[in-house]
Amino acid sequence: MEQLKALMGPTNEYPFLRKDELPPGPSSEVRLPGSGRRFAVTGDYREPARNHCAAVCLANVILCLKAGRTVRQEDRDRIFRRTYALLGNGPLFTREFRKGAGNALYEAGLTGCRLRPCGSPGAVRSCLEQGSPCAVLVMIAPLDWHWVLAVGCREYEDGRFYLRICDGWNARADRWLCWGGPVHIRSITAVVKKND
C-alpha cells in the first residue's frame, strides 16, 4: 500500500477544522455526553501497530459508550489492545470494521448495541441525539483513508452541516469535518444502544 501511495504522489493533510475556524451564523449543536474526555490516539500505540486508525476509532467508540465512568489510561490501553487484536493493521474497509466492531462490543459487555449505517446529515444527527457515537471512514485520495469518531454535530440554518470529531491524532474531540467539503465521507456507522 505504501508503494502505491508513493507512486500516486503526496496528498494533502486532512483539512479538519478547529472550532474557531467554523463559519459564523445561526446554528444548533449536538454533543454526546462524555465527549470532552481524553480519547485514545494512534500515537499512543506505535508498536507493533501501523495504519491502526480503525482500531483506535473502535476503542474510542467503546470509551464513548462507557461515558458514565472515568476511564484511566490503563483501561484505554486494554480496550485498544482488544480492538487491535480484532481489527489489526489497516487500511480497513467498512465491512471489516463492522465485523470487528460487533465482536469488540460484545467482549466489552456492550451486548445491547447494534450497528446502523447512516447516509445523511439528518440520520447522523438523529443517532447523535440518541447518544450513539458514529464511526466515520473519510478519504482525501483513492489510497488515503482515515477512520474518525463523530461525537457531535453542528447544523446551520442554511443547511451546512459539520461533524465534531475525535480525529485519532489529538486526544480531545475538538476537530470538525465539513459534510460535502474537501474530505469525502465513504461511510458512517452508528453504534446504537438496544433501546434506541
N, C-alpha and C. Protein backbone atom coordinates (compact mmCIF):
# COMPACT_ATOMS: atom_id res chain seq x y z
N MET A 1 0.83 -1.19 0.00
CA MET A 1 0.00 0.00 0.00
C MET A 1 0.88 1.25 0.00
N GLU A 2 1.92 1.27 0.81
CA GLU A 2 2.79 2.45 0.89
C GLU A 2 3.45 2.74 -0.46
N GLN A 3 3.83 1.66 -1.21
CA GLN A 3 4.44 1.88 -2.52
C GLN A 3 3.44 2.50 -3.49
N LEU A 4 2.17 2.06 -3.43
CA LEU A 4 1.15 2.65 -4.30
C LEU A 4 0.94 4.13 -3.97
N LYS A 5 0.91 4.45 -2.69
CA LYS A 5 0.77 5.86 -2.29
C LYS A 5 1.93 6.68 -2.81
N ALA A 6 3.15 6.12 -2.73
CA ALA A 6 4.33 6.84 -3.20
C ALA A 6 4.26 7.09 -4.71
N LEU A 7 3.76 6.11 -5.46
CA LEU A 7 3.63 6.27 -6.90
C LEU A 7 2.61 7.35 -7.27
N MET A 8 1.55 7.46 -6.47
CA MET A 8 0.49 8.43 -6.76
C MET A 8 0.86 9.84 -6.35
N GLY A 9 1.94 9.98 -5.62
CA GLY A 9 2.37 11.31 -5.19
C GLY A 9 1.78 11.69 -3.84
N PRO A 10 2.28 12.76 -3.26
CA PRO A 10 1.83 13.16 -1.94
C PRO A 10 0.39 13.68 -1.97
N THR A 11 -0.28 13.50 -0.85
CA THR A 11 -1.63 14.04 -0.70
C THR A 11 -1.60 15.15 0.33
N ASN A 12 -2.63 15.92 0.34
CA ASN A 12 -2.74 16.96 1.36
C ASN A 12 -3.11 16.33 2.69
N GLU A 13 -2.86 17.05 3.74
CA GLU A 13 -3.32 16.58 5.04
C GLU A 13 -4.83 16.71 5.08
N TYR A 14 -5.43 15.99 6.01
CA TYR A 14 -6.89 16.08 6.16
C TYR A 14 -7.25 17.48 6.63
N PRO A 15 -8.14 18.15 5.94
CA PRO A 15 -8.49 19.53 6.31
C PRO A 15 -9.57 19.59 7.40
N PHE A 16 -9.27 18.96 8.54
CA PHE A 16 -10.18 19.07 9.67
C PHE A 16 -10.04 20.47 10.27
N LEU A 17 -11.13 21.00 10.76
CA LEU A 17 -11.16 22.37 11.27
C LEU A 17 -11.17 22.40 12.79
N ARG A 18 -10.65 23.49 13.34
CA ARG A 18 -10.82 23.78 14.76
C ARG A 18 -12.12 24.56 14.91
N LYS A 19 -12.65 24.61 16.13
CA LYS A 19 -13.93 25.29 16.33
C LYS A 19 -13.87 26.75 15.90
N ASP A 20 -12.74 27.42 16.16
CA ASP A 20 -12.64 28.84 15.79
C ASP A 20 -12.54 29.05 14.27
N GLU A 21 -12.40 27.97 13.51
CA GLU A 21 -12.37 28.06 12.05
C GLU A 21 -13.74 27.79 11.41
N LEU A 22 -14.72 27.43 12.23
CA LEU A 22 -16.06 27.18 11.70
C LEU A 22 -16.67 28.49 11.24
N PRO A 23 -17.53 28.42 10.23
CA PRO A 23 -18.15 29.66 9.76
C PRO A 23 -19.13 30.22 10.79
N PRO A 24 -19.29 31.55 10.80
CA PRO A 24 -20.27 32.15 11.72
C PRO A 24 -21.68 31.93 11.17
N GLY A 25 -22.64 32.19 12.00
CA GLY A 25 -24.03 32.10 11.56
C GLY A 25 -24.87 31.30 12.52
N PRO A 26 -26.19 31.47 12.43
CA PRO A 26 -27.10 30.75 13.32
C PRO A 26 -26.99 29.24 13.10
N SER A 27 -26.85 28.50 14.20
CA SER A 27 -26.70 27.05 14.11
C SER A 27 -27.19 26.40 15.39
N SER A 28 -27.37 25.10 15.33
CA SER A 28 -27.67 24.31 16.53
C SER A 28 -26.64 23.20 16.61
N GLU A 29 -26.38 22.75 17.83
CA GLU A 29 -25.30 21.79 18.05
C GLU A 29 -25.77 20.64 18.92
N VAL A 30 -25.26 19.45 18.63
CA VAL A 30 -25.50 18.25 19.43
C VAL A 30 -24.13 17.73 19.85
N ARG A 31 -24.04 17.27 21.10
CA ARG A 31 -22.77 16.75 21.62
C ARG A 31 -23.05 15.56 22.53
N LEU A 32 -22.32 14.46 22.33
CA LEU A 32 -22.51 13.29 23.17
C LEU A 32 -22.02 13.54 24.58
N PRO A 33 -22.68 12.96 25.59
CA PRO A 33 -22.14 13.03 26.95
C PRO A 33 -20.77 12.35 26.98
N GLY A 34 -19.86 12.89 27.74
CA GLY A 34 -18.52 12.29 27.86
C GLY A 34 -17.59 12.60 26.71
N SER A 35 -18.03 13.43 25.76
CA SER A 35 -17.19 13.70 24.59
C SER A 35 -16.06 14.68 24.89
N GLY A 36 -16.02 15.22 26.09
CA GLY A 36 -14.93 16.10 26.48
C GLY A 36 -13.76 15.37 27.10
N ARG A 37 -13.87 14.07 27.23
CA ARG A 37 -12.81 13.26 27.86
C ARG A 37 -11.57 13.15 26.98
N ARG A 38 -10.54 12.53 27.51
CA ARG A 38 -9.35 12.22 26.72
C ARG A 38 -9.61 10.90 26.00
N PHE A 39 -9.39 10.91 24.69
CA PHE A 39 -9.59 9.73 23.87
C PHE A 39 -8.25 9.07 23.55
N ALA A 40 -8.32 7.83 23.06
CA ALA A 40 -7.13 7.13 22.59
C ALA A 40 -6.69 7.78 21.27
N VAL A 41 -5.39 7.80 21.03
CA VAL A 41 -4.84 8.34 19.78
C VAL A 41 -3.83 7.35 19.20
N THR A 42 -3.63 7.41 17.90
CA THR A 42 -2.72 6.48 17.25
C THR A 42 -1.30 6.58 17.80
N GLY A 43 -0.88 7.78 18.19
CA GLY A 43 0.47 7.97 18.72
C GLY A 43 0.73 7.24 20.02
N ASP A 44 -0.32 6.85 20.73
CA ASP A 44 -0.16 6.08 21.98
C ASP A 44 0.26 4.64 21.69
N TYR A 45 0.06 4.17 20.46
CA TYR A 45 0.21 2.74 20.16
C TYR A 45 0.97 2.55 18.86
N ARG A 46 2.22 2.96 18.82
CA ARG A 46 3.01 2.87 17.59
C ARG A 46 3.58 1.48 17.33
N GLU A 47 3.81 0.71 18.36
CA GLU A 47 4.40 -0.62 18.18
C GLU A 47 3.44 -1.66 18.70
N PRO A 48 3.15 -2.71 17.99
CA PRO A 48 3.56 -3.04 16.64
C PRO A 48 2.60 -2.49 15.59
N ALA A 49 1.68 -1.65 16.01
CA ALA A 49 0.60 -1.20 15.13
C ALA A 49 1.09 -0.25 14.04
N ARG A 50 0.42 -0.37 12.87
CA ARG A 50 0.64 0.55 11.74
C ARG A 50 -0.70 0.72 11.04
N ASN A 51 -0.99 1.90 10.61
CA ASN A 51 -2.28 2.15 9.96
C ASN A 51 -3.43 1.64 10.84
N HIS A 52 -3.40 2.00 12.10
CA HIS A 52 -4.32 1.43 13.08
C HIS A 52 -5.42 2.40 13.51
N CYS A 53 -5.76 3.34 12.64
CA CYS A 53 -6.80 4.32 12.98
C CYS A 53 -8.16 3.65 13.21
N ALA A 54 -8.45 2.54 12.52
CA ALA A 54 -9.73 1.86 12.72
C ALA A 54 -9.80 1.28 14.13
N ALA A 55 -8.71 0.67 14.60
CA ALA A 55 -8.70 0.10 15.95
C ALA A 55 -8.81 1.20 17.00
N VAL A 56 -8.15 2.34 16.77
CA VAL A 56 -8.25 3.48 17.69
C VAL A 56 -9.68 4.02 17.68
N CYS A 57 -10.27 4.16 16.51
CA CYS A 57 -11.65 4.65 16.41
C CYS A 57 -12.60 3.73 17.17
N LEU A 58 -12.44 2.43 16.99
CA LEU A 58 -13.31 1.48 17.68
C LEU A 58 -13.10 1.53 19.20
N ALA A 59 -11.85 1.67 19.63
CA ALA A 59 -11.60 1.83 21.07
C ALA A 59 -12.32 3.08 21.59
N ASN A 60 -12.29 4.14 20.80
CA ASN A 60 -12.97 5.38 21.22
C ASN A 60 -14.49 5.25 21.21
N VAL A 61 -15.03 4.42 20.32
CA VAL A 61 -16.47 4.12 20.37
C VAL A 61 -16.82 3.52 21.72
N ILE A 62 -16.03 2.53 22.14
CA ILE A 62 -16.28 1.86 23.42
C ILE A 62 -16.13 2.85 24.57
N LEU A 63 -15.10 3.70 24.51
CA LEU A 63 -14.93 4.72 25.56
C LEU A 63 -16.15 5.64 25.63
N CYS A 64 -16.69 6.01 24.48
CA CYS A 64 -17.88 6.88 24.44
C CYS A 64 -19.08 6.19 25.09
N LEU A 65 -19.24 4.92 24.81
CA LEU A 65 -20.40 4.20 25.33
C LEU A 65 -20.29 3.94 26.83
N LYS A 66 -19.09 4.07 27.36
CA LYS A 66 -18.88 3.95 28.80
C LYS A 66 -18.75 5.34 29.42
N ALA A 67 -19.51 6.29 28.87
CA ALA A 67 -19.39 7.71 29.24
C ALA A 67 -19.68 7.98 30.70
N GLY A 68 -20.41 7.10 31.36
CA GLY A 68 -20.78 7.36 32.74
C GLY A 68 -19.66 7.18 33.73
N ARG A 69 -18.53 6.69 33.28
CA ARG A 69 -17.43 6.47 34.23
C ARG A 69 -16.13 7.05 33.70
N THR A 70 -15.25 7.35 34.63
CA THR A 70 -13.93 7.86 34.26
C THR A 70 -13.11 6.70 33.72
N VAL A 71 -12.38 6.94 32.66
CA VAL A 71 -11.57 5.90 32.04
C VAL A 71 -10.10 6.25 32.25
N ARG A 72 -9.39 5.35 32.92
CA ARG A 72 -7.96 5.56 33.16
C ARG A 72 -7.16 5.13 31.92
N GLN A 73 -5.91 5.58 31.86
CA GLN A 73 -5.05 5.23 30.73
C GLN A 73 -4.92 3.72 30.59
N GLU A 74 -4.82 3.01 31.70
CA GLU A 74 -4.70 1.54 31.64
C GLU A 74 -5.93 0.93 30.96
N ASP A 75 -7.10 1.50 31.26
CA ASP A 75 -8.33 1.00 30.63
C ASP A 75 -8.34 1.30 29.13
N ARG A 76 -7.90 2.50 28.75
CA ARG A 76 -7.80 2.84 27.33
C ARG A 76 -6.85 1.87 26.62
N ASP A 77 -5.72 1.59 27.27
CA ASP A 77 -4.74 0.68 26.68
C ASP A 77 -5.32 -0.72 26.51
N ARG A 78 -6.01 -1.21 27.52
CA ARG A 78 -6.62 -2.54 27.46
C ARG A 78 -7.67 -2.61 26.35
N ILE A 79 -8.51 -1.59 26.27
CA ILE A 79 -9.54 -1.55 25.22
C ILE A 79 -8.89 -1.51 23.84
N PHE A 80 -7.85 -0.68 23.68
CA PHE A 80 -7.18 -0.63 22.37
C PHE A 80 -6.56 -1.98 22.02
N ARG A 81 -5.88 -2.62 22.97
CA ARG A 81 -5.25 -3.92 22.67
C ARG A 81 -6.29 -4.91 22.14
N ARG A 82 -7.47 -4.89 22.72
CA ARG A 82 -8.52 -5.82 22.29
C ARG A 82 -9.05 -5.44 20.89
N THR A 83 -9.30 -4.16 20.66
CA THR A 83 -9.80 -3.76 19.34
C THR A 83 -8.74 -4.00 18.26
N TYR A 84 -7.48 -3.78 18.62
CA TYR A 84 -6.40 -4.02 17.67
C TYR A 84 -6.28 -5.51 17.36
N ALA A 85 -6.47 -6.36 18.38
CA ALA A 85 -6.42 -7.81 18.16
C ALA A 85 -7.53 -8.24 17.19
N LEU A 86 -8.66 -7.57 17.23
CA LEU A 86 -9.78 -7.92 16.35
C LEU A 86 -9.65 -7.31 14.95
N LEU A 87 -9.11 -6.09 14.85
CA LEU A 87 -9.06 -5.40 13.56
C LEU A 87 -7.69 -5.44 12.90
N GLY A 88 -6.63 -5.45 13.69
CA GLY A 88 -5.28 -5.45 13.14
C GLY A 88 -4.93 -4.14 12.46
N ASN A 89 -3.92 -4.21 11.59
CA ASN A 89 -3.48 -3.03 10.85
C ASN A 89 -4.41 -2.77 9.67
N GLY A 90 -4.50 -1.51 9.30
CA GLY A 90 -5.34 -1.12 8.17
C GLY A 90 -4.53 -1.11 6.90
N PRO A 91 -5.09 -0.57 5.86
CA PRO A 91 -6.40 0.07 5.85
C PRO A 91 -7.53 -0.95 5.92
N LEU A 92 -8.63 -0.54 6.52
CA LEU A 92 -9.80 -1.39 6.66
C LEU A 92 -11.00 -0.76 5.97
N PHE A 93 -11.72 -1.59 5.26
CA PHE A 93 -12.98 -1.15 4.67
C PHE A 93 -14.08 -1.25 5.73
N THR A 94 -15.23 -0.71 5.40
CA THR A 94 -16.35 -0.67 6.33
C THR A 94 -16.78 -2.07 6.76
N ARG A 95 -16.80 -3.01 5.85
CA ARG A 95 -17.25 -4.37 6.18
C ARG A 95 -16.38 -5.00 7.28
N GLU A 96 -15.06 -4.90 7.14
CA GLU A 96 -14.16 -5.46 8.16
C GLU A 96 -14.32 -4.72 9.48
N PHE A 97 -14.49 -3.40 9.39
CA PHE A 97 -14.67 -2.61 10.61
C PHE A 97 -15.93 -3.06 11.35
N ARG A 98 -17.02 -3.21 10.64
CA ARG A 98 -18.29 -3.59 11.29
C ARG A 98 -18.21 -4.98 11.91
N LYS A 99 -17.54 -5.89 11.24
CA LYS A 99 -17.40 -7.24 11.80
C LYS A 99 -16.61 -7.19 13.10
N GLY A 100 -15.47 -6.50 13.09
CA GLY A 100 -14.66 -6.37 14.31
C GLY A 100 -15.38 -5.61 15.39
N ALA A 101 -16.16 -4.60 15.00
CA ALA A 101 -16.89 -3.79 15.98
C ALA A 101 -17.91 -4.63 16.72
N GLY A 102 -18.63 -5.47 16.00
CA GLY A 102 -19.62 -6.33 16.65
C GLY A 102 -18.98 -7.22 17.71
N ASN A 103 -17.84 -7.82 17.37
CA ASN A 103 -17.13 -8.67 18.33
C ASN A 103 -16.59 -7.87 19.50
N ALA A 104 -16.03 -6.70 19.24
CA ALA A 104 -15.45 -5.88 20.31
C ALA A 104 -16.52 -5.38 21.27
N LEU A 105 -17.66 -4.97 20.75
CA LEU A 105 -18.75 -4.51 21.62
C LEU A 105 -19.23 -5.64 22.52
N TYR A 106 -19.34 -6.83 21.96
CA TYR A 106 -19.76 -7.99 22.74
C TYR A 106 -18.76 -8.26 23.86
N GLU A 107 -17.46 -8.27 23.51
CA GLU A 107 -16.42 -8.55 24.50
C GLU A 107 -16.32 -7.46 25.56
N ALA A 108 -16.72 -6.23 25.22
CA ALA A 108 -16.67 -5.12 26.18
C ALA A 108 -17.92 -5.09 27.07
N GLY A 109 -18.79 -6.07 26.91
CA GLY A 109 -20.00 -6.12 27.72
C GLY A 109 -21.10 -5.21 27.20
N LEU A 110 -20.96 -4.72 25.99
CA LEU A 110 -21.97 -3.83 25.39
C LEU A 110 -22.82 -4.64 24.41
N THR A 111 -23.40 -5.72 24.92
CA THR A 111 -24.13 -6.66 24.07
C THR A 111 -25.44 -6.08 23.56
N GLY A 112 -25.93 -5.02 24.17
CA GLY A 112 -27.18 -4.42 23.72
C GLY A 112 -27.00 -3.39 22.63
N CYS A 113 -25.86 -3.38 21.97
CA CYS A 113 -25.61 -2.39 20.90
C CYS A 113 -25.73 -3.06 19.54
N ARG A 114 -26.14 -2.27 18.57
CA ARG A 114 -26.17 -2.75 17.19
C ARG A 114 -25.57 -1.67 16.29
N LEU A 115 -25.14 -2.09 15.12
CA LEU A 115 -24.53 -1.16 14.17
C LEU A 115 -25.55 -0.76 13.13
N ARG A 116 -25.56 0.53 12.81
CA ARG A 116 -26.54 1.03 11.84
C ARG A 116 -25.84 2.01 10.89
N PRO A 117 -25.95 1.78 9.58
CA PRO A 117 -25.37 2.74 8.64
C PRO A 117 -26.17 4.04 8.64
N CYS A 118 -25.47 5.14 8.46
CA CYS A 118 -26.11 6.46 8.38
C CYS A 118 -25.62 7.12 7.10
N GLY A 119 -26.53 7.58 6.27
CA GLY A 119 -26.11 8.14 5.00
C GLY A 119 -26.47 9.59 4.76
N SER A 120 -27.02 10.24 5.78
CA SER A 120 -27.42 11.64 5.58
C SER A 120 -27.15 12.43 6.86
N PRO A 121 -27.03 13.74 6.74
CA PRO A 121 -26.85 14.55 7.95
C PRO A 121 -27.99 14.34 8.96
N GLY A 122 -29.22 14.22 8.48
CA GLY A 122 -30.34 14.01 9.38
C GLY A 122 -30.23 12.71 10.16
N ALA A 123 -29.81 11.63 9.48
CA ALA A 123 -29.64 10.34 10.15
C ALA A 123 -28.53 10.40 11.18
N VAL A 124 -27.43 11.06 10.84
CA VAL A 124 -26.31 11.19 11.79
C VAL A 124 -26.75 12.00 13.00
N ARG A 125 -27.41 13.12 12.77
CA ARG A 125 -27.87 13.96 13.88
C ARG A 125 -28.81 13.18 14.79
N SER A 126 -29.72 12.42 14.20
CA SER A 126 -30.66 11.63 14.99
C SER A 126 -29.93 10.62 15.87
N CYS A 127 -28.93 9.95 15.31
CA CYS A 127 -28.15 8.98 16.10
C CYS A 127 -27.41 9.68 17.23
N LEU A 128 -26.79 10.81 16.94
CA LEU A 128 -26.06 11.55 17.97
C LEU A 128 -27.01 12.05 19.06
N GLU A 129 -28.20 12.49 18.68
CA GLU A 129 -29.18 12.94 19.67
C GLU A 129 -29.61 11.81 20.60
N GLN A 130 -29.53 10.57 20.12
CA GLN A 130 -29.89 9.41 20.93
C GLN A 130 -28.69 8.87 21.71
N GLY A 131 -27.55 9.56 21.63
CA GLY A 131 -26.37 9.13 22.38
C GLY A 131 -25.52 8.10 21.68
N SER A 132 -25.66 7.98 20.38
CA SER A 132 -24.92 6.97 19.61
C SER A 132 -23.73 7.59 18.90
N PRO A 133 -22.50 7.16 19.26
CA PRO A 133 -21.32 7.65 18.53
C PRO A 133 -21.32 7.07 17.12
N CYS A 134 -20.67 7.76 16.20
CA CYS A 134 -20.65 7.34 14.79
C CYS A 134 -19.21 7.22 14.29
N ALA A 135 -18.84 6.01 13.85
CA ALA A 135 -17.54 5.79 13.23
C ALA A 135 -17.63 6.23 11.77
N VAL A 136 -16.67 7.05 11.35
CA VAL A 136 -16.72 7.66 10.02
C VAL A 136 -15.44 7.33 9.25
N LEU A 137 -15.60 6.74 8.08
CA LEU A 137 -14.46 6.48 7.20
C LEU A 137 -14.39 7.62 6.19
N VAL A 138 -13.28 8.36 6.21
CA VAL A 138 -13.11 9.50 5.31
C VAL A 138 -11.95 9.23 4.35
N MET A 139 -11.95 9.96 3.24
CA MET A 139 -10.94 9.73 2.21
C MET A 139 -10.59 11.07 1.56
N ILE A 140 -9.28 11.33 1.40
CA ILE A 140 -8.86 12.53 0.68
C ILE A 140 -8.20 12.19 -0.65
N ALA A 141 -7.92 10.91 -0.87
CA ALA A 141 -7.34 10.44 -2.13
C ALA A 141 -7.70 8.96 -2.25
N PRO A 142 -7.63 8.38 -3.45
CA PRO A 142 -8.04 6.98 -3.61
C PRO A 142 -7.38 6.00 -2.64
N LEU A 143 -6.16 6.25 -2.24
CA LEU A 143 -5.49 5.34 -1.31
C LEU A 143 -5.16 6.01 0.02
N ASP A 144 -5.87 7.03 0.37
CA ASP A 144 -5.61 7.76 1.61
C ASP A 144 -6.91 7.90 2.41
N TRP A 145 -7.14 6.91 3.30
CA TRP A 145 -8.36 6.85 4.11
C TRP A 145 -8.00 7.02 5.57
N HIS A 146 -9.01 7.36 6.35
CA HIS A 146 -8.80 7.51 7.79
C HIS A 146 -10.13 7.32 8.52
N TRP A 147 -10.10 6.61 9.65
CA TRP A 147 -11.28 6.43 10.49
C TRP A 147 -11.27 7.48 11.60
N VAL A 148 -12.38 8.18 11.77
CA VAL A 148 -12.55 9.15 12.84
C VAL A 148 -13.86 8.84 13.56
N LEU A 149 -14.04 9.44 14.72
CA LEU A 149 -15.25 9.21 15.50
C LEU A 149 -16.04 10.51 15.63
N ALA A 150 -17.29 10.50 15.17
CA ALA A 150 -18.17 11.67 15.33
C ALA A 150 -18.84 11.59 16.69
N VAL A 151 -18.64 12.66 17.49
CA VAL A 151 -19.23 12.73 18.83
C VAL A 151 -20.18 13.91 18.96
N GLY A 152 -20.42 14.59 17.85
CA GLY A 152 -21.33 15.73 17.86
C GLY A 152 -21.48 16.27 16.46
N CYS A 153 -22.34 17.27 16.34
CA CYS A 153 -22.53 17.91 15.04
C CYS A 153 -23.02 19.33 15.24
N ARG A 154 -22.85 20.11 14.21
CA ARG A 154 -23.37 21.48 14.17
C ARG A 154 -24.08 21.65 12.83
N GLU A 155 -25.33 22.11 12.90
CA GLU A 155 -26.12 22.32 11.70
C GLU A 155 -26.53 23.78 11.63
N TYR A 156 -26.21 24.40 10.50
CA TYR A 156 -26.53 25.80 10.29
C TYR A 156 -27.93 25.93 9.69
N GLU A 157 -28.54 27.08 9.91
CA GLU A 157 -29.88 27.32 9.37
C GLU A 157 -29.92 27.23 7.85
N ASP A 158 -28.79 27.51 7.20
CA ASP A 158 -28.75 27.44 5.73
C ASP A 158 -28.46 26.03 5.22
N GLY A 159 -28.37 25.04 6.13
CA GLY A 159 -28.20 23.65 5.74
C GLY A 159 -26.79 23.11 5.84
N ARG A 160 -25.79 23.97 6.03
CA ARG A 160 -24.42 23.47 6.18
C ARG A 160 -24.35 22.58 7.42
N PHE A 161 -23.54 21.51 7.32
CA PHE A 161 -23.50 20.50 8.38
C PHE A 161 -22.05 20.11 8.65
N TYR A 162 -21.67 20.14 9.91
CA TYR A 162 -20.31 19.79 10.33
C TYR A 162 -20.38 18.72 11.41
N LEU A 163 -19.47 17.75 11.32
CA LEU A 163 -19.35 16.73 12.35
C LEU A 163 -18.25 17.13 13.32
N ARG A 164 -18.53 17.03 14.60
CA ARG A 164 -17.50 17.21 15.62
C ARG A 164 -16.83 15.86 15.80
N ILE A 165 -15.52 15.81 15.61
CA ILE A 165 -14.84 14.51 15.58
C ILE A 165 -13.67 14.42 16.54
N CYS A 166 -13.40 13.19 16.91
CA CYS A 166 -12.14 12.81 17.51
C CYS A 166 -11.35 12.24 16.34
N ASP A 167 -10.30 12.94 15.92
CA ASP A 167 -9.60 12.56 14.68
C ASP A 167 -8.60 11.42 14.84
N GLY A 168 -8.37 10.95 16.06
CA GLY A 168 -7.44 9.85 16.28
C GLY A 168 -6.00 10.30 16.41
N TRP A 169 -5.73 11.58 16.20
CA TRP A 169 -4.38 12.12 16.35
C TRP A 169 -4.30 13.07 17.53
N ASN A 170 -5.41 13.65 17.91
CA ASN A 170 -5.49 14.56 19.05
C ASN A 170 -6.37 13.91 20.11
N ALA A 171 -5.97 14.04 21.36
CA ALA A 171 -6.66 13.34 22.45
C ALA A 171 -8.04 13.89 22.76
N ARG A 172 -8.34 15.07 22.28
CA ARG A 172 -9.66 15.68 22.53
C ARG A 172 -10.46 15.71 21.24
N ALA A 173 -11.76 15.61 21.38
CA ALA A 173 -12.66 15.67 20.22
C ALA A 173 -12.93 17.13 19.90
N ASP A 174 -11.91 17.78 19.36
CA ASP A 174 -12.02 19.23 19.11
C ASP A 174 -11.74 19.60 17.66
N ARG A 175 -12.01 18.68 16.75
CA ARG A 175 -11.87 18.96 15.33
C ARG A 175 -13.24 18.82 14.67
N TRP A 176 -13.38 19.43 13.51
CA TRP A 176 -14.65 19.45 12.80
C TRP A 176 -14.44 19.04 11.35
N LEU A 177 -15.41 18.33 10.80
CA LEU A 177 -15.38 17.84 9.43
C LEU A 177 -16.62 18.36 8.71
N CYS A 178 -16.40 19.04 7.59
CA CYS A 178 -17.50 19.62 6.81
C CYS A 178 -18.14 18.55 5.93
N TRP A 179 -19.44 18.34 6.10
CA TRP A 179 -20.19 17.42 5.23
C TRP A 179 -20.24 18.04 3.84
N GLY A 180 -19.80 17.29 2.84
CA GLY A 180 -19.79 17.82 1.48
C GLY A 180 -18.59 18.69 1.18
N GLY A 181 -17.62 18.73 2.09
CA GLY A 181 -16.42 19.52 1.90
C GLY A 181 -15.35 18.74 1.16
N PRO A 182 -14.08 19.13 1.33
CA PRO A 182 -12.99 18.51 0.57
C PRO A 182 -12.68 17.07 0.97
N VAL A 183 -13.15 16.65 2.14
CA VAL A 183 -12.93 15.27 2.59
C VAL A 183 -14.17 14.45 2.20
N HIS A 184 -13.95 13.38 1.45
CA HIS A 184 -15.06 12.53 1.02
C HIS A 184 -15.42 11.56 2.15
N ILE A 185 -16.67 11.55 2.55
CA ILE A 185 -17.13 10.62 3.59
C ILE A 185 -17.55 9.33 2.88
N ARG A 186 -16.82 8.25 3.14
CA ARG A 186 -17.09 6.96 2.49
C ARG A 186 -18.22 6.20 3.18
N SER A 187 -18.23 6.21 4.50
CA SER A 187 -19.28 5.51 5.23
C SER A 187 -19.37 6.04 6.65
N ILE A 188 -20.54 5.89 7.21
CA ILE A 188 -20.76 6.25 8.61
C ILE A 188 -21.53 5.11 9.25
N THR A 189 -21.01 4.62 10.38
CA THR A 189 -21.66 3.55 11.12
C THR A 189 -21.94 4.04 12.53
N ALA A 190 -23.22 4.09 12.88
CA ALA A 190 -23.60 4.48 14.24
C ALA A 190 -23.65 3.23 15.10
N VAL A 191 -23.24 3.37 16.35
CA VAL A 191 -23.35 2.28 17.32
C VAL A 191 -24.51 2.65 18.23
N VAL A 192 -25.62 1.96 18.03
CA VAL A 192 -26.89 2.32 18.66
C VAL A 192 -27.16 1.38 19.83
N LYS A 193 -27.50 1.96 20.96
CA LYS A 193 -27.86 1.15 22.13
C LYS A 193 -29.18 0.45 21.87
N LYS A 194 -29.37 -0.70 22.51
CA LYS A 194 -30.51 -1.57 22.23
C LYS A 194 -31.86 -0.88 22.32
N ASN A 195 -32.08 -0.06 23.34
CA ASN A 195 -33.39 0.55 23.50
C ASN A 195 -33.55 1.83 22.71
N ASP A 196 -32.62 2.16 21.80
CA ASP A 196 -32.76 3.34 20.94
C ASP A 196 -33.50 3.00 19.68
